[in-house]
Every structure is written in C-alpha cells, then in structure tokens.
Amino acid sequence: MMFKIAPSILSADFTKLAEEIKRIEVDGVGYLHIDIMDGRFVPNITIGAPVVKYIRKATSLPIDVHLMIEEPEKHVDAFIEAGSDILTFHVEATRHPERLLRYIRQKGVKAGISLNPATSLDSLTYLYGAVDLVLVLTVNPGFGGQKLIPEVLQKVRALKDIKSKGGHDFIIQVDGGVTADNIDQYVGSGGELIVAGNAVFGSKNPAEAVSLLMKKGKKQ
C-alpha cells in the first residue's frame, strides 16, 4: 500500500484542538493518532475516553487510538464507545492479547498490537491472524519529541518480510522520531502508516508539513 501519515495530537495545541485537527485534514493523512498514557505503563499521563469522544465529533478522519496503559482489557469498551476506528494496545501490557484482539474486532473496531523497542517480534508469532495493524515503536514510549532508535528499523524490515511471506494483510505502523529528514528510512523499511507528532504540529503550517513528509517519504 502507499504509505500514509497519522499525525499525533500529542504534539498539538490542546487549547485549540479542534482547530489544530482541521488543519491536518489534507491529502496524505490516513488517520488521526491519539496516544493514551496512564502514568503506569509509561511515565506520562495524557487524556482519556471523554476527550476522544469530543475529538470524534470534531473530525471525519479515522481515529487511531494507541493505548499505552496497563491492563487495557479494563478500558477498551470506553474507547470503543468514544468512537475509535482502530484500537491498539501493547503486547507487553496484557496476559491474553489474542483474546483482547478478537474482542475488539467483535465490537466492530479494527484491532492493533504494539511493541516497545526492546520487544521481539517473537511475541506476535500467534497473533498475526487476529490483527489489523502492528505498531512498531522506534522510541521508548511516554514522551513526544524523541530521536529515532535506528536499530529498531531492522524490526520493521523483518515485520514486512513476515507479512509478505505469510500473506497477511495487517497495516505496518511505525511511530517515534519521525522527521522530514528521516521519513524515507521508515518507509523504506516497510512502514505503511507513519505516525508524526512534532514533525506536523510543531510546524507553523501543519498541512505543508504533511506534504513535505509525503514528498520526502516517496524518495526512498
């Protein structure tokens, strides 16, 4: 598939969030990425399901919710009801990931699984048939504005190979440290949905920033 950008609102101005979101409803944007942090799985705390519910009213973009929380099974219903289109949780955060993936799908929402930089793809061996999206983090989760851990792109390349050889149809999403100067590495490694926070919302013109990312990514 042609790669798309998923702007992360973690880097947006929350005092005018609806306006910020409207500024990135442009060609090249596939999803709006929302990071949910609980202060336990990661050291930071962000927002909850009520804010996602209001974001759902503010945009027609598909909403891609990334749960960086412990025991996600206790909270998925709230985020499904809030209007998530894709709900992604961490394989490290629950004992029964396959069960949770199938539950999310049964609710009519796409199900994603995420991996921290140090987590092996081996943890997903029996899950590929139950996922719609696999999110590879190329930074340690918890904060925006971090730099790419380049070694993790090897994992993206390996995942691309697994997808191809296994005949799977999940989306390969990559998140962490994306800039216009390095997006070609993410796309070239196999990334299909590239999460970008500061690279988009840190710009004076987010729409132009998306266009630049698309242009640079196509040059890989």
C-alpha atoms as a PDB file:
ATOM      1  CA  MET A   1       0.000   0.000   0.000  1.00  0.00           C
ATOM      2  CA  MET A   2       1.044   3.615  -0.475  1.00  0.00           C
ATOM      3  CA  PHE A   3       2.198   4.987   2.858  1.00  0.00           C
ATOM      4  CA  LYS A   4       0.112   7.491   4.795  1.00  0.00           C
ATOM      5  CA  ILE A   5       0.752   9.895   7.654  1.00  0.00           C
ATOM      6  CA  ALA A   6      -1.008   9.617  11.028  1.00  0.00           C
ATOM      7  CA  PRO A   7      -0.489  12.962  12.805  1.00  0.00           C
ATOM      8  CA  SER A   8      -0.248  12.533  16.575  1.00  0.00           C
ATOM      9  CA  ILE A   9      -2.190  15.049  18.625  1.00  0.00           C
ATOM     10  CA  LEU A  10       0.304  14.554  21.462  1.00  0.00           C
ATOM     11  CA  SER A  11       2.183  17.490  19.902  1.00  0.00           C
ATOM     12  CA  ALA A  12      -0.887  19.615  19.138  1.00  0.00           C
ATOM     13  CA  ASP A  13      -2.014  22.744  20.951  1.00  0.00           C
ATOM     14  CA  PHE A  14      -4.781  21.459  23.227  1.00  0.00           C
ATOM     15  CA  THR A  15      -6.157  24.955  23.820  1.00  0.00           C
ATOM     16  CA  LYS A  16      -7.451  24.876  20.228  1.00  0.00           C
ATOM     17  CA  LEU A  17      -7.520  21.170  19.489  1.00  0.00           C
ATOM     18  CA  ALA A  18     -10.452  21.107  17.075  1.00  0.00           C
ATOM     19  CA  GLU A  19      -8.809  23.855  15.006  1.00  0.00           C
ATOM     20  CA  GLU A  20      -5.488  22.002  15.053  1.00  0.00           C
ATOM     21  CA  ILE A  21      -7.154  18.831  13.789  1.00  0.00           C
ATOM     22  CA  LYS A  22      -8.897  20.653  10.933  1.00  0.00           C
ATOM     23  CA  ARG A  23      -5.506  21.926   9.777  1.00  0.00           C
ATOM     24  CA  ILE A  24      -4.263  18.399   9.041  1.00  0.00           C
ATOM     25  CA  GLU A  25      -7.307  17.064   7.184  1.00  0.00           C
ATOM     26  CA  VAL A  26      -5.341  17.002   3.937  1.00  0.00           C
ATOM     27  CA  ASP A  27      -4.126  14.548   1.296  1.00  0.00           C
ATOM     28  CA  GLY A  28      -1.631  12.088   2.728  1.00  0.00           C
ATOM     29  CA  VAL A  29      -3.255  11.833   6.141  1.00  0.00           C
ATOM     30  CA  GLY A  30      -4.717   8.379   6.742  1.00  0.00           C
ATOM     31  CA  TYR A  31      -5.619   8.511  10.432  1.00  0.00           C
ATOM     32  CA  LEU A  32      -5.573  10.827  13.422  1.00  0.00           C
ATOM     33  CA  HIS A  33      -3.321   9.250  16.052  1.00  0.00           C
ATOM     34  CA  ILE A  34      -4.234   9.637  19.727  1.00  0.00           C
ATOM     35  CA  ASP A  35      -1.829   8.500  22.453  1.00  0.00           C
ATOM     36  CA  ILE A  36      -3.408   7.393  25.721  1.00  0.00           C
ATOM     37  CA  MET A  37      -0.968   7.188  28.664  1.00  0.00           C
ATOM     38  CA  ASP A  38      -1.741   6.107  32.226  1.00  0.00           C
ATOM     39  CA  GLY A  39       1.371   7.018  34.217  1.00  0.00           C
ATOM     40  CA  ARG A  40       1.958   3.312  34.899  1.00  0.00           C
ATOM     41  CA  PHE A  41       2.840   1.610  31.626  1.00  0.00           C
ATOM     42  CA  VAL A  42       4.648   4.812  30.677  1.00  0.00           C
ATOM     43  CA  PRO A  43       5.824   7.665  32.924  1.00  0.00           C
ATOM     44  CA  ASN A  44       3.493  10.244  31.403  1.00  0.00           C
ATOM     45  CA  ILE A  45      -0.277  10.833  31.677  1.00  0.00           C
ATOM     46  CA  THR A  46      -2.344  12.219  28.802  1.00  0.00           C
ATOM     47  CA  ILE A  47      -6.082  12.025  28.127  1.00  0.00           C
ATOM     48  CA  GLY A  48      -8.957   9.575  28.483  1.00  0.00           C
ATOM     49  CA  ALA A  49     -12.024   8.370  26.627  1.00  0.00           C
ATOM     50  CA  PRO A  50     -14.132  11.540  27.218  1.00  0.00           C
ATOM     51  CA  VAL A  51     -11.655  13.628  25.197  1.00  0.00           C
ATOM     52  CA  VAL A  52     -11.598  11.017  22.432  1.00  0.00           C
ATOM     53  CA  LYS A  53     -15.394  11.276  22.307  1.00  0.00           C
ATOM     54  CA  TYR A  54     -15.199  15.018  21.639  1.00  0.00           C
ATOM     55  CA  ILE A  55     -12.406  14.563  19.097  1.00  0.00           C
ATOM     56  CA  ARG A  56     -14.675  12.113  17.273  1.00  0.00           C
ATOM     57  CA  LYS A  57     -17.196  14.953  16.878  1.00  0.00           C
ATOM     58  CA  ALA A  58     -14.513  17.313  15.555  1.00  0.00           C
ATOM     59  CA  THR A  59     -13.226  15.267  12.611  1.00  0.00           C
ATOM     60  CA  SER A  60     -14.238  12.834   9.901  1.00  0.00           C
ATOM     61  CA  LEU A  61     -10.746  11.293   9.885  1.00  0.00           C
ATOM     62  CA  PRO A  62     -10.485   7.714  11.131  1.00  0.00           C
ATOM     63  CA  ILE A  63      -9.323   7.776  14.749  1.00  0.00           C
ATOM     64  CA  ASP A  64      -6.335   5.630  15.628  1.00  0.00           C
ATOM     65  CA  VAL A  65      -6.131   5.223  19.418  1.00  0.00           C
ATOM     66  CA  HIS A  66      -2.874   3.918  20.886  1.00  0.00           C
ATOM     67  CA  LEU A  67      -3.342   2.632  24.439  1.00  0.00           C
ATOM     68  CA  MET A  68      -0.090   2.883  26.376  1.00  0.00           C
ATOM     69  CA  ILE A  69      -1.743   1.593  29.521  1.00  0.00           C
ATOM     70  CA  GLU A  70      -1.614  -1.371  31.882  1.00  0.00           C
ATOM     71  CA  GLU A  71      -4.479  -3.871  31.712  1.00  0.00           C
ATOM     72  CA  PRO A  72      -6.041  -2.427  28.558  1.00  0.00           C
ATOM     73  CA  GLU A  73      -8.816  -5.007  28.724  1.00  0.00           C
ATOM     74  CA  LYS A  74     -10.360  -2.949  31.532  1.00  0.00           C
ATOM     75  CA  HIS A  75     -10.664   0.149  29.352  1.00  0.00           C
ATOM     76  CA  VAL A  76     -11.227  -0.874  25.729  1.00  0.00           C
ATOM     77  CA  ASP A  77     -15.022  -0.619  25.951  1.00  0.00           C
ATOM     78  CA  ALA A  78     -14.835   3.056  26.916  1.00  0.00           C
ATOM     79  CA  PHE A  79     -12.608   3.860  23.941  1.00  0.00           C
ATOM     80  CA  ILE A  80     -14.749   1.801  21.568  1.00  0.00           C
ATOM     81  CA  GLU A  81     -17.830   3.722  22.730  1.00  0.00           C
ATOM     82  CA  ALA A  82     -15.920   7.008  22.331  1.00  0.00           C
ATOM     83  CA  GLY A  83     -15.578   6.371  18.593  1.00  0.00           C
ATOM     84  CA  SER A  84     -12.204   4.708  17.979  1.00  0.00           C
ATOM     85  CA  ASP A  85     -11.755   3.252  14.494  1.00  0.00           C
ATOM     86  CA  ILE A  86      -8.543   1.403  15.361  1.00  0.00           C
ATOM     87  CA  LEU A  87      -7.718   0.460  18.935  1.00  0.00           C
ATOM     88  CA  THR A  88      -4.112  -0.551  19.562  1.00  0.00           C
ATOM     89  CA  PHE A  89      -2.728  -1.899  22.823  1.00  0.00           C
ATOM     90  CA  HIS A  90       0.681  -3.201  23.887  1.00  0.00           C
ATOM     91  CA  VAL A  91       1.528  -6.882  23.834  1.00  0.00           C
ATOM     92  CA  GLU A  92       3.569  -6.230  26.996  1.00  0.00           C
ATOM     93  CA  ALA A  93       0.544  -4.846  28.888  1.00  0.00           C
ATOM     94  CA  THR A  94      -1.841  -7.809  29.000  1.00  0.00           C
ATOM     95  CA  ARG A  95      -1.644 -11.539  29.640  1.00  0.00           C
ATOM     96  CA  HIS A  96      -4.125 -12.537  26.959  1.00  0.00           C
ATOM     97  CA  PRO A  97      -3.523 -10.396  23.870  1.00  0.00           C
ATOM     98  CA  GLU A  98      -5.183 -12.752  21.399  1.00  0.00           C
ATOM     99  CA  ARG A  99      -8.409 -12.759  23.404  1.00  0.00           C
ATOM    100  CA  LEU A 100      -8.437  -8.957  23.566  1.00  0.00           C
ATOM    101  CA  LEU A 101      -7.726  -8.569  19.850  1.00  0.00           C
ATOM    102  CA  ARG A 102     -10.678 -10.779  18.979  1.00  0.00           C
ATOM    103  CA  TYR A 103     -12.915  -8.964  21.456  1.00  0.00           C
ATOM    104  CA  ILE A 104     -12.122  -5.584  19.879  1.00  0.00           C
ATOM    105  CA  ARG A 105     -12.875  -6.953  16.415  1.00  0.00           C
ATOM    106  CA  GLN A 106     -16.153  -8.450  17.611  1.00  0.00           C
ATOM    107  CA  LYS A 107     -17.156  -4.944  18.646  1.00  0.00           C
ATOM    108  CA  GLY A 108     -16.736  -3.772  15.053  1.00  0.00           C
ATOM    109  CA  VAL A 109     -13.454  -1.910  15.624  1.00  0.00           C
ATOM    110  CA  LYS A 110     -10.101  -2.682  13.998  1.00  0.00           C
ATOM    111  CA  ALA A 111      -7.600  -4.180  16.423  1.00  0.00           C
ATOM    112  CA  GLY A 112      -3.912  -3.283  16.646  1.00  0.00           C
ATOM    113  CA  ILE A 113      -0.991  -4.572  18.675  1.00  0.00           C
ATOM    114  CA  SER A 114       2.079  -2.543  19.614  1.00  0.00           C
ATOM    115  CA  LEU A 115       5.675  -3.379  20.530  1.00  0.00           C
ATOM    116  CA  ASN A 116       8.177  -1.408  22.574  1.00  0.00           C
ATOM    117  CA  PRO A 117      11.646  -1.051  21.000  1.00  0.00           C
ATOM    118  CA  ALA A 118      13.133  -3.883  23.080  1.00  0.00           C
ATOM    119  CA  THR A 119      10.259  -6.340  22.487  1.00  0.00           C
ATOM    120  CA  SER A 120      10.856  -9.071  19.935  1.00  0.00           C
ATOM    121  CA  LEU A 121       8.544  -9.903  17.058  1.00  0.00           C
ATOM    122  CA  ASP A 122       8.508 -13.414  18.513  1.00  0.00           C
ATOM    123  CA  SER A 123       5.835 -12.165  20.927  1.00  0.00           C
ATOM    124  CA  LEU A 124       3.454 -11.818  17.956  1.00  0.00           C
ATOM    125  CA  THR A 125       4.004 -15.260  16.414  1.00  0.00           C
ATOM    126  CA  TYR A 126       0.470 -16.475  17.131  1.00  0.00           C
ATOM    127  CA  LEU A 127      -1.286 -13.131  16.733  1.00  0.00           C
ATOM    128  CA  TYR A 128      -0.867 -12.145  13.086  1.00  0.00           C
ATOM    129  CA  GLY A 129      -4.185 -13.687  12.089  1.00  0.00           C
ATOM    130  CA  ALA A 130      -6.036 -11.609  14.682  1.00  0.00           C
ATOM    131  CA  VAL A 131      -4.600  -8.154  13.992  1.00  0.00           C
ATOM    132  CA  ASP A 132      -5.463  -5.339  11.608  1.00  0.00           C
ATOM    133  CA  LEU A 133      -2.399  -3.259  12.496  1.00  0.00           C
ATOM    134  CA  VAL A 134       1.022  -3.815  14.058  1.00  0.00           C
ATOM    135  CA  LEU A 135       2.642  -0.733  15.587  1.00  0.00           C
ATOM    136  CA  VAL A 136       6.422  -0.766  15.985  1.00  0.00           C
ATOM    137  CA  LEU A 137       7.691   1.926  18.337  1.00  0.00           C
ATOM    138  CA  THR A 138      11.057   3.318  17.310  1.00  0.00           C
ATOM    139  CA  VAL A 139      11.441   5.258  20.572  1.00  0.00           C
ATOM    140  CA  ASN A 140      10.671   4.287  24.148  1.00  0.00           C
ATOM    141  CA  PRO A 141       7.056   5.290  24.786  1.00  0.00           C
ATOM    142  CA  GLY A 142       5.907   8.088  27.034  1.00  0.00           C
ATOM    143  CA  PHE A 143       7.046  11.377  25.538  1.00  0.00           C
ATOM    144  CA  GLY A 144       6.978  13.152  22.193  1.00  0.00           C
ATOM    145  CA  GLY A 145       9.985  14.704  20.513  1.00  0.00           C
ATOM    146  CA  GLN A 146      12.381  11.784  20.992  1.00  0.00           C
ATOM    147  CA  LYS A 147      15.023  10.676  18.495  1.00  0.00           C
ATOM    148  CA  LEU A 148      14.767   7.530  16.396  1.00  0.00           C
ATOM    149  CA  ILE A 149      16.477   4.390  17.701  1.00  0.00           C
ATOM    150  CA  PRO A 150      17.758   3.347  14.254  1.00  0.00           C
ATOM    151  CA  GLU A 151      18.343  -0.312  15.164  1.00  0.00           C
ATOM    152  CA  VAL A 152      14.580  -0.786  15.587  1.00  0.00           C
ATOM    153  CA  LEU A 153      14.073  -0.296  11.849  1.00  0.00           C
ATOM    154  CA  GLN A 154      15.504  -3.810  11.481  1.00  0.00           C
ATOM    155  CA  LYS A 155      12.350  -4.998  13.244  1.00  0.00           C
ATOM    156  CA  VAL A 156      10.199  -3.107  10.743  1.00  0.00           C
ATOM    157  CA  ARG A 157      12.020  -4.787   7.873  1.00  0.00           C
ATOM    158  CA  ALA A 158      11.568  -8.202   9.488  1.00  0.00           C
ATOM    159  CA  LEU A 159       7.863  -7.494  10.003  1.00  0.00           C
ATOM    160  CA  LYS A 160       7.493  -6.552   6.340  1.00  0.00           C
ATOM    161  CA  ASP A 161       9.048  -9.901   5.423  1.00  0.00           C
ATOM    162  CA  ILE A 162       6.706 -11.791   7.770  1.00  0.00           C
ATOM    163  CA  LYS A 163       3.706 -10.007   6.279  1.00  0.00           C
ATOM    164  CA  SER A 164       4.761 -10.779   2.727  1.00  0.00           C
ATOM    165  CA  LYS A 165       5.687 -14.428   3.260  1.00  0.00           C
ATOM    166  CA  GLY A 166       2.676 -15.148   5.453  1.00  0.00           C
ATOM    167  CA  GLY A 167       0.162 -13.485   3.160  1.00  0.00           C
ATOM    168  CA  HIS A 168      -1.093 -11.265   5.976  1.00  0.00           C
ATOM    169  CA  ASP A 169      -2.966  -8.015   5.403  1.00  0.00           C
ATOM    170  CA  PHE A 170      -2.291  -6.015   8.579  1.00  0.00           C
ATOM    171  CA  ILE A 171      -1.024  -2.439   8.344  1.00  0.00           C
ATOM    172  CA  ILE A 172       2.578  -1.816   9.415  1.00  0.00           C
ATOM    173  CA  GLN A 173       2.596   1.336  11.530  1.00  0.00           C
ATOM    174  CA  VAL A 174       5.776   2.989  12.787  1.00  0.00           C
ATOM    175  CA  ASP A 175       5.942   5.642  15.496  1.00  0.00           C
ATOM    176  CA  GLY A 176       8.761   7.639  17.037  1.00  0.00           C
ATOM    177  CA  GLY A 177      11.287  10.254  15.991  1.00  0.00           C
ATOM    178  CA  VAL A 178       9.888  10.885  12.521  1.00  0.00           C
ATOM    179  CA  THR A 179      11.179  13.966  10.684  1.00  0.00           C
ATOM    180  CA  ALA A 180      11.242  15.105   7.067  1.00  0.00           C
ATOM    181  CA  ASP A 181      14.941  14.206   7.042  1.00  0.00           C
ATOM    182  CA  ASN A 182      14.485  10.563   8.046  1.00  0.00           C
ATOM    183  CA  ILE A 183      10.969   9.515   6.983  1.00  0.00           C
ATOM    184  CA  ASP A 184      12.476   7.806   3.947  1.00  0.00           C
ATOM    185  CA  GLN A 185      14.095   5.293   6.330  1.00  0.00           C
ATOM    186  CA  TYR A 186      10.732   4.400   7.885  1.00  0.00           C
ATOM    187  CA  VAL A 187       9.020   3.979   4.523  1.00  0.00           C
ATOM    188  CA  GLY A 188      11.980   2.160   3.013  1.00  0.00           C
ATOM    189  CA  SER A 189      11.960  -0.314   5.895  1.00  0.00           C
ATOM    190  CA  GLY A 190       8.312  -1.170   5.276  1.00  0.00           C
ATOM    191  CA  GLY A 191       6.320   1.400   7.212  1.00  0.00           C
ATOM    192  CA  GLU A 192       2.860   1.970   5.719  1.00  0.00           C
ATOM    193  CA  LEU A 193       1.297   4.279   8.295  1.00  0.00           C
ATOM    194  CA  ILE A 194       3.828   6.715   9.735  1.00  0.00           C
ATOM    195  CA  VAL A 195       2.978   8.485  12.990  1.00  0.00           C
ATOM    196  CA  ALA A 196       4.319  12.039  13.168  1.00  0.00           C
ATOM    197  CA  GLY A 197       3.820  14.431  16.067  1.00  0.00           C
ATOM    198  CA  ASN A 198       6.332  17.271  16.286  1.00  0.00           C
ATOM    199  CA  ALA A 199       7.089  16.977  12.584  1.00  0.00           C
ATOM    200  CA  VAL A 200       3.485  18.002  11.865  1.00  0.00           C
ATOM    201  CA  PHE A 201       2.108  20.017  14.776  1.00  0.00           C
ATOM    202  CA  GLY A 202       5.467  21.601  15.561  1.00  0.00           C
ATOM    203  CA  SER A 203       5.296  23.335  12.201  1.00  0.00           C
ATOM    204  CA  LYS A 204       3.691  26.735  11.620  1.00  0.00           C
ATOM    205  CA  ASN A 205       1.805  25.140   8.746  1.00  0.00           C
ATOM    206  CA  PRO A 206       0.878  21.519   9.575  1.00  0.00           C
ATOM    207  CA  ALA A 207      -0.687  20.909   6.156  1.00  0.00           C
ATOM    208  CA  GLU A 208       2.546  21.888   4.425  1.00  0.00           C
ATOM    209  CA  ALA A 209       4.454  19.719   6.899  1.00  0.00           C
ATOM    210  CA  VAL A 210       2.347  16.709   5.876  1.00  0.00           C
ATOM    211  CA  SER A 211       3.004  17.448   2.190  1.00  0.00           C
ATOM    212  CA  LEU A 212       6.747  17.647   2.873  1.00  0.00           C
ATOM    213  CA  LEU A 213       6.711  14.334   4.737  1.00  0.00           C
ATOM    214  CA  MET A 214       4.868  12.687   1.854  1.00  0.00           C
ATOM    215  CA  LYS A 215       7.308  14.131  -0.661  1.00  0.00           C
ATOM    216  CA  LYS A 216      10.379  13.053   1.314  1.00  0.00           C
ATOM    217  CA  GLY A 217       8.946   9.603   2.042  1.00  0.00           C
ATOM    218  CA  LYS A 218       8.326   8.903  -1.645  1.00  0.00           C
ATOM    219  CA  LYS A 219      12.012   9.468  -2.396  1.00  0.00           C
ATOM    220  CA  GLN A 220      13.164   6.360  -0.536  1.00  0.00           C
END
